[in-house]
N, C-alpha and C. Protein backbone atom coordinates (compact mmCIF):
# COMPACT_ATOMS: atom_id res chain seq x y z
N UNK A 1 -59.29 -29.31 -20.10
CA UNK A 1 -58.04 -29.13 -20.72
C UNK A 1 -58.16 -28.10 -21.88
N UNK A 2 -57.22 -27.08 -21.87
CA UNK A 2 -57.36 -26.14 -22.94
C UNK A 2 -55.97 -26.16 -23.75
N UNK A 3 -56.05 -25.63 -24.95
CA UNK A 3 -54.82 -25.53 -25.76
C UNK A 3 -54.51 -24.06 -25.78
N UNK A 4 -53.28 -23.73 -25.59
CA UNK A 4 -52.76 -22.32 -25.55
C UNK A 4 -51.91 -22.23 -26.82
N UNK A 5 -51.84 -21.03 -27.40
CA UNK A 5 -50.99 -20.70 -28.55
C UNK A 5 -49.72 -20.30 -28.11
N UNK A 6 -48.59 -20.85 -28.72
CA UNK A 6 -47.28 -20.38 -28.49
C UNK A 6 -46.70 -20.02 -29.67
N UNK A 7 -45.43 -19.63 -29.66
CA UNK A 7 -44.60 -19.28 -30.83
C UNK A 7 -43.39 -20.01 -31.11
N UNK A 8 -43.03 -20.37 -32.20
CA UNK A 8 -41.71 -21.17 -32.44
C UNK A 8 -40.74 -20.11 -32.58
N UNK A 9 -39.56 -20.34 -31.89
CA UNK A 9 -38.41 -19.38 -31.85
C UNK A 9 -37.79 -19.13 -33.14
N UNK A 10 -38.29 -19.77 -34.16
CA UNK A 10 -37.73 -19.46 -35.60
C UNK A 10 -38.01 -17.96 -35.92
N UNK A 11 -39.04 -17.42 -35.38
CA UNK A 11 -39.38 -16.03 -35.76
C UNK A 11 -38.38 -15.08 -35.44
N UNK A 12 -37.36 -15.38 -34.63
CA UNK A 12 -36.28 -14.44 -34.21
C UNK A 12 -34.86 -15.03 -34.37
N UNK A 13 -34.79 -16.08 -35.07
CA UNK A 13 -33.46 -16.77 -35.29
C UNK A 13 -32.47 -15.91 -36.02
N UNK A 14 -31.38 -15.57 -35.37
CA UNK A 14 -30.36 -14.78 -35.88
C UNK A 14 -29.10 -14.90 -35.14
N UNK A 15 -28.01 -14.74 -35.85
CA UNK A 15 -26.67 -14.95 -35.18
C UNK A 15 -26.47 -14.00 -34.00
N UNK A 16 -26.98 -12.80 -34.15
CA UNK A 16 -26.74 -11.72 -33.10
C UNK A 16 -27.81 -11.65 -32.06
N UNK A 17 -28.74 -12.65 -32.00
CA UNK A 17 -29.82 -12.61 -31.01
C UNK A 17 -29.63 -13.90 -30.15
N UNK A 18 -29.70 -13.77 -28.91
CA UNK A 18 -29.59 -14.89 -27.96
C UNK A 18 -31.13 -15.49 -27.80
N UNK A 19 -31.11 -16.78 -27.31
CA UNK A 19 -32.36 -17.33 -26.90
C UNK A 19 -33.19 -16.46 -25.94
N UNK A 20 -32.57 -15.98 -24.97
CA UNK A 20 -33.10 -15.06 -23.90
C UNK A 20 -33.80 -13.91 -24.63
N UNK A 21 -33.08 -13.35 -25.61
CA UNK A 21 -33.66 -12.13 -26.31
C UNK A 21 -34.93 -12.52 -27.03
N UNK A 22 -34.90 -13.73 -27.59
CA UNK A 22 -36.13 -14.17 -28.32
C UNK A 22 -37.32 -14.36 -27.37
N UNK A 23 -37.00 -14.92 -26.21
CA UNK A 23 -38.10 -15.17 -25.17
C UNK A 23 -38.68 -13.82 -24.77
N UNK A 24 -37.72 -12.81 -24.55
CA UNK A 24 -38.20 -11.44 -24.19
C UNK A 24 -39.10 -10.86 -25.25
N UNK A 25 -38.71 -10.96 -26.39
CA UNK A 25 -39.58 -10.47 -27.56
C UNK A 25 -40.94 -11.13 -27.53
N UNK A 26 -40.91 -12.47 -27.47
CA UNK A 26 -42.14 -13.26 -27.47
C UNK A 26 -43.02 -12.81 -26.34
N UNK A 27 -42.46 -12.57 -25.18
CA UNK A 27 -43.28 -12.06 -24.00
C UNK A 27 -43.87 -10.74 -24.26
N UNK A 28 -43.15 -9.77 -24.84
CA UNK A 28 -43.66 -8.48 -25.19
C UNK A 28 -44.75 -8.60 -26.27
N UNK A 29 -44.64 -9.58 -27.03
CA UNK A 29 -45.78 -9.75 -28.10
C UNK A 29 -46.93 -10.38 -27.46
N UNK A 30 -46.85 -10.89 -26.12
CA UNK A 30 -47.97 -11.37 -25.48
C UNK A 30 -48.03 -12.99 -25.40
N UNK A 31 -47.05 -13.60 -25.83
CA UNK A 31 -47.00 -15.07 -25.76
C UNK A 31 -46.49 -15.55 -24.26
N UNK A 32 -47.23 -16.60 -23.83
CA UNK A 32 -46.80 -17.20 -22.53
C UNK A 32 -45.96 -18.35 -22.72
N UNK A 33 -45.97 -18.99 -23.99
CA UNK A 33 -45.26 -20.19 -24.27
C UNK A 33 -44.43 -20.01 -25.56
N UNK A 34 -43.28 -20.60 -25.53
CA UNK A 34 -42.37 -20.71 -26.74
C UNK A 34 -41.95 -22.12 -27.05
N UNK A 35 -41.75 -22.32 -28.21
CA UNK A 35 -41.19 -23.69 -28.74
C UNK A 35 -39.85 -23.45 -29.10
N UNK A 36 -38.83 -23.97 -28.29
CA UNK A 36 -37.43 -23.73 -28.67
C UNK A 36 -37.14 -24.52 -30.03
N UNK A 37 -36.27 -23.89 -30.81
CA UNK A 37 -35.73 -24.65 -32.02
C UNK A 37 -34.46 -25.20 -31.72
N UNK A 38 -34.46 -26.49 -31.42
CA UNK A 38 -33.23 -27.25 -31.04
C UNK A 38 -32.84 -28.19 -32.07
N UNK A 39 -31.66 -28.11 -32.54
CA UNK A 39 -31.16 -29.10 -33.61
C UNK A 39 -30.20 -29.95 -33.00
N UNK A 40 -30.38 -31.19 -32.88
CA UNK A 40 -29.41 -32.19 -32.31
C UNK A 40 -28.44 -32.74 -33.28
N UNK A 41 -28.61 -32.35 -34.59
CA UNK A 41 -27.61 -32.76 -35.61
C UNK A 41 -28.10 -33.94 -36.38
N UNK A 42 -29.04 -34.64 -36.04
CA UNK A 42 -29.58 -35.73 -36.79
C UNK A 42 -31.12 -35.76 -36.93
N UNK A 43 -31.62 -34.71 -37.59
CA UNK A 43 -33.09 -34.56 -37.78
C UNK A 43 -33.43 -35.23 -39.11
N UNK A 44 -34.56 -35.88 -39.07
CA UNK A 44 -35.07 -36.66 -40.18
C UNK A 44 -35.22 -35.87 -41.39
N UNK A 45 -35.82 -34.70 -41.20
CA UNK A 45 -36.14 -33.87 -42.35
C UNK A 45 -34.81 -33.24 -42.88
N UNK A 46 -33.79 -33.01 -42.09
CA UNK A 46 -32.54 -32.55 -42.56
C UNK A 46 -31.87 -33.56 -43.36
N UNK A 47 -31.95 -34.87 -42.95
CA UNK A 47 -31.35 -35.96 -43.65
C UNK A 47 -31.98 -36.10 -45.09
N UNK A 48 -33.31 -35.75 -45.27
CA UNK A 48 -33.99 -35.84 -46.53
C UNK A 48 -33.87 -34.53 -47.35
N UNK A 49 -33.24 -33.45 -46.65
CA UNK A 49 -33.02 -32.25 -47.46
C UNK A 49 -34.18 -31.27 -47.41
N UNK A 50 -35.16 -31.44 -46.48
CA UNK A 50 -36.34 -30.64 -46.49
C UNK A 50 -36.32 -29.65 -45.28
N UNK A 51 -35.28 -29.57 -44.50
CA UNK A 51 -35.31 -28.86 -43.29
C UNK A 51 -34.46 -27.51 -43.53
N UNK A 52 -34.64 -26.54 -42.82
CA UNK A 52 -33.89 -25.30 -42.98
C UNK A 52 -32.45 -25.47 -42.47
N UNK A 53 -32.11 -26.50 -41.78
CA UNK A 53 -30.74 -26.64 -41.34
C UNK A 53 -30.39 -28.10 -41.97
N UNK A 54 -29.36 -28.03 -42.86
CA UNK A 54 -28.98 -29.25 -43.50
C UNK A 54 -27.67 -29.82 -42.91
N UNK A 55 -27.51 -31.10 -42.91
CA UNK A 55 -26.36 -31.78 -42.49
C UNK A 55 -25.39 -31.86 -43.69
N UNK A 56 -24.27 -31.30 -43.57
CA UNK A 56 -23.27 -31.27 -44.76
C UNK A 56 -22.28 -32.45 -44.57
N UNK A 57 -22.02 -33.12 -45.52
CA UNK A 57 -21.04 -34.29 -45.39
C UNK A 57 -19.92 -34.01 -46.37
């Protein structure tokens, strides 16, 4: 078993960039794997105020 290095999609997070565009950039940079940044609305670190996307009430 080997461990491969991937990239978190945070590196390209922007309103004007699609997920597909981020994957294309990652591939051009030589990455085979990406970690999607998916926020389902109830993240533990968001609730505690430590995450980059906060739940506003």
